[in-house]
Structure formats: C-alpha cells, structure tokens
Amino acid sequence: DNKGKVLEWPSQSPDLNPIENVWAELKKRVRVRRPTNLTQLHQLCQEEWDKIHTTYCGKLLEGYP
C-alpha cells in the first residue's frame, strides 16, 4: 500500500546463516544421546562440538554465494 520495494524471495529459501546449521547439527547429535541433567547436557555438548569436523563447516559455506 505504501509503494515500498518488495524483494523477490523464494518461499522455501535455505537458511542463509551457516552457524544456524551448525547449531542444528549439534542439537541433533546431543538429542540422540539423551542427556538426563544439566551437567550431562553440558558435557555432551562439548563432546559433540569437538566431533564436528571443519570439513562439515566448509561444505556449508561452499553453497553460499
């Protein structure tokens, strides 16, 4: 109504923030291990974070223009 410029954006656009994908991967890995308390959650997050290889991060970045 206000004649603002609207950008064309696909409705199913991929997430354009690679760190969000890394967080999602970490969350998935930790969820599988089913921590039962906060201490265990912290420990599992650290362990799984260390297992995420730099090549995974590199592949995420390759898809971005």
N, C-alpha and C. Protein backbone atom coordinates (compact mmCIF):
# COMPACT_ATOMS: atom_id res chain seq x y z
N ASP A 1 0.81 -1.20 0.00
CA ASP A 1 0.00 0.00 0.00
C ASP A 1 0.86 1.26 0.00
N ASN A 2 2.02 1.22 0.63
CA ASN A 2 2.88 2.40 0.73
C ASN A 2 3.90 2.46 -0.38
N LYS A 3 3.74 1.63 -1.38
CA LYS A 3 4.64 1.60 -2.55
C LYS A 3 6.08 1.28 -2.16
N GLY A 4 6.26 0.46 -1.11
CA GLY A 4 7.59 0.05 -0.71
C GLY A 4 8.14 -1.00 -1.67
N LYS A 5 9.43 -1.04 -1.80
CA LYS A 5 10.08 -2.01 -2.68
C LYS A 5 10.06 -3.39 -2.02
N VAL A 6 9.55 -4.37 -2.71
CA VAL A 6 9.46 -5.73 -2.20
C VAL A 6 10.47 -6.59 -2.96
N LEU A 7 11.31 -7.28 -2.20
CA LEU A 7 12.29 -8.16 -2.83
C LEU A 7 11.66 -9.51 -3.11
N GLU A 8 12.00 -10.08 -4.25
CA GLU A 8 11.53 -11.42 -4.55
C GLU A 8 12.34 -12.40 -3.70
N TRP A 9 11.66 -13.28 -3.02
CA TRP A 9 12.33 -14.21 -2.12
C TRP A 9 11.57 -15.52 -2.19
N PRO A 10 12.25 -16.60 -2.51
CA PRO A 10 11.55 -17.88 -2.60
C PRO A 10 10.97 -18.28 -1.23
N SER A 11 9.78 -18.83 -1.26
CA SER A 11 9.12 -19.18 0.00
C SER A 11 9.85 -20.28 0.76
N GLN A 12 10.58 -21.12 0.08
CA GLN A 12 11.31 -22.21 0.72
C GLN A 12 12.82 -21.96 0.67
N SER A 13 13.24 -20.73 0.87
CA SER A 13 14.66 -20.40 0.77
C SER A 13 15.45 -21.09 1.88
N PRO A 14 16.68 -21.53 1.59
CA PRO A 14 17.50 -22.16 2.62
C PRO A 14 17.95 -21.14 3.66
N ASP A 15 18.31 -21.64 4.82
CA ASP A 15 18.80 -20.76 5.88
C ASP A 15 20.10 -20.12 5.40
N LEU A 16 20.17 -18.81 5.45
CA LEU A 16 21.34 -18.11 4.93
C LEU A 16 22.37 -17.79 6.01
N ASN A 17 22.28 -18.42 7.14
CA ASN A 17 23.23 -18.20 8.22
C ASN A 17 23.86 -19.55 8.57
N PRO A 18 25.09 -19.81 8.11
CA PRO A 18 25.69 -21.13 8.31
C PRO A 18 25.80 -21.57 9.77
N ILE A 19 26.00 -20.65 10.70
CA ILE A 19 26.14 -21.06 12.09
C ILE A 19 24.84 -21.67 12.61
N GLU A 20 23.70 -21.24 12.07
CA GLU A 20 22.42 -21.83 12.47
C GLU A 20 22.38 -23.32 12.10
N ASN A 21 22.98 -23.66 10.96
CA ASN A 21 23.04 -25.06 10.55
C ASN A 21 23.96 -25.86 11.46
N VAL A 22 25.05 -25.25 11.90
CA VAL A 22 25.96 -25.93 12.82
C VAL A 22 25.27 -26.17 14.16
N TRP A 23 24.54 -25.16 14.66
CA TRP A 23 23.81 -25.33 15.92
C TRP A 23 22.77 -26.45 15.79
N ALA A 24 22.10 -26.50 14.66
CA ALA A 24 21.09 -27.55 14.45
C ALA A 24 21.74 -28.93 14.45
N GLU A 25 22.90 -29.04 13.84
CA GLU A 25 23.63 -30.32 13.83
C GLU A 25 24.04 -30.71 15.24
N LEU A 26 24.54 -29.75 16.01
CA LEU A 26 24.92 -30.03 17.40
C LEU A 26 23.70 -30.48 18.20
N LYS A 27 22.61 -29.79 18.04
CA LYS A 27 21.38 -30.14 18.76
C LYS A 27 20.93 -31.56 18.43
N LYS A 28 20.99 -31.91 17.15
CA LYS A 28 20.60 -33.24 16.72
C LYS A 28 21.48 -34.31 17.35
N ARG A 29 22.78 -34.07 17.34
CA ARG A 29 23.73 -35.04 17.89
C ARG A 29 23.54 -35.23 19.40
N VAL A 30 23.30 -34.13 20.11
CA VAL A 30 23.12 -34.21 21.56
C VAL A 30 21.79 -34.89 21.89
N ARG A 31 20.76 -34.57 21.14
CA ARG A 31 19.44 -35.16 21.39
C ARG A 31 19.48 -36.68 21.31
N VAL A 32 20.24 -37.21 20.35
CA VAL A 32 20.36 -38.67 20.18
C VAL A 32 20.94 -39.32 21.43
N ARG A 33 21.82 -38.62 22.11
CA ARG A 33 22.49 -39.18 23.29
C ARG A 33 21.66 -39.02 24.57
N ARG A 34 20.57 -38.30 24.52
CA ARG A 34 19.59 -38.16 25.60
C ARG A 34 20.17 -37.81 26.97
N PRO A 35 20.68 -36.60 27.11
CA PRO A 35 21.19 -36.19 28.43
C PRO A 35 20.04 -36.15 29.45
N THR A 36 20.38 -36.47 30.69
CA THR A 36 19.34 -36.53 31.73
C THR A 36 19.43 -35.40 32.74
N ASN A 37 20.51 -34.62 32.71
CA ASN A 37 20.61 -33.49 33.62
C ASN A 37 21.49 -32.42 32.97
N LEU A 38 21.57 -31.28 33.60
CA LEU A 38 22.28 -30.14 33.03
C LEU A 38 23.78 -30.40 32.89
N THR A 39 24.36 -31.07 33.86
CA THR A 39 25.79 -31.38 33.80
C THR A 39 26.09 -32.29 32.61
N GLN A 40 25.26 -33.30 32.45
CA GLN A 40 25.45 -34.21 31.33
C GLN A 40 25.22 -33.50 29.99
N LEU A 41 24.23 -32.62 29.95
CA LEU A 41 23.97 -31.84 28.74
C LEU A 41 25.20 -31.02 28.36
N HIS A 42 25.79 -30.35 29.34
CA HIS A 42 26.98 -29.55 29.10
C HIS A 42 28.13 -30.41 28.57
N GLN A 43 28.34 -31.54 29.20
CA GLN A 43 29.41 -32.44 28.79
C GLN A 43 29.19 -32.97 27.37
N LEU A 44 27.96 -33.39 27.08
CA LEU A 44 27.66 -33.92 25.74
C LEU A 44 27.79 -32.85 24.67
N CYS A 45 27.39 -31.63 24.99
CA CYS A 45 27.54 -30.52 24.03
C CYS A 45 29.01 -30.30 23.70
N GLN A 46 29.85 -30.33 24.70
CA GLN A 46 31.28 -30.14 24.46
C GLN A 46 31.85 -31.29 23.63
N GLU A 47 31.48 -32.52 23.97
CA GLU A 47 31.98 -33.68 23.22
C GLU A 47 31.53 -33.64 21.77
N GLU A 48 30.27 -33.38 21.56
CA GLU A 48 29.75 -33.38 20.19
C GLU A 48 30.27 -32.19 19.39
N TRP A 49 30.47 -31.06 20.05
CA TRP A 49 31.03 -29.89 19.36
C TRP A 49 32.43 -30.23 18.84
N ASP A 50 33.21 -30.92 19.66
CA ASP A 50 34.56 -31.30 19.25
C ASP A 50 34.56 -32.28 18.08
N LYS A 51 33.48 -33.03 17.91
CA LYS A 51 33.39 -34.01 16.84
C LYS A 51 32.96 -33.42 15.50
N ILE A 52 32.43 -32.20 15.53
CA ILE A 52 32.01 -31.58 14.27
C ILE A 52 33.27 -31.15 13.53
N HIS A 53 33.51 -31.78 12.42
CA HIS A 53 34.75 -31.57 11.68
C HIS A 53 34.70 -30.28 10.87
N THR A 54 35.85 -29.70 10.67
CA THR A 54 35.92 -28.44 9.92
C THR A 54 35.47 -28.61 8.47
N THR A 55 35.58 -29.82 7.92
CA THR A 55 35.10 -30.03 6.55
C THR A 55 33.58 -29.87 6.47
N TYR A 56 32.88 -30.23 7.54
CA TYR A 56 31.42 -30.02 7.58
C TYR A 56 31.12 -28.53 7.45
N CYS A 57 31.83 -27.73 8.21
CA CYS A 57 31.63 -26.27 8.16
C CYS A 57 32.00 -25.72 6.79
N GLY A 58 33.07 -26.23 6.21
CA GLY A 58 33.49 -25.79 4.90
C GLY A 58 32.44 -26.09 3.84
N LYS A 59 31.84 -27.27 3.94
CA LYS A 59 30.80 -27.65 2.97
C LYS A 59 29.57 -26.75 3.09
N LEU A 60 29.27 -26.33 4.32
CA LEU A 60 28.15 -25.41 4.50
C LEU A 60 28.43 -24.10 3.78
N LEU A 61 29.64 -23.62 3.87
CA LEU A 61 30.00 -22.34 3.26
C LEU A 61 30.09 -22.40 1.74
N GLU A 62 30.41 -23.58 1.19
CA GLU A 62 30.55 -23.70 -0.25
C GLU A 62 29.26 -23.38 -0.98
N GLY A 63 28.13 -23.62 -0.36
CA GLY A 63 26.84 -23.39 -1.01
C GLY A 63 26.39 -21.94 -1.03
N TYR A 64 27.11 -21.07 -0.35
CA TYR A 64 26.72 -19.67 -0.28
C TYR A 64 27.41 -18.85 -1.36
N PRO A 65 26.66 -17.93 -1.96
CA PRO A 65 27.29 -17.08 -2.99
C PRO A 65 28.28 -16.10 -2.41
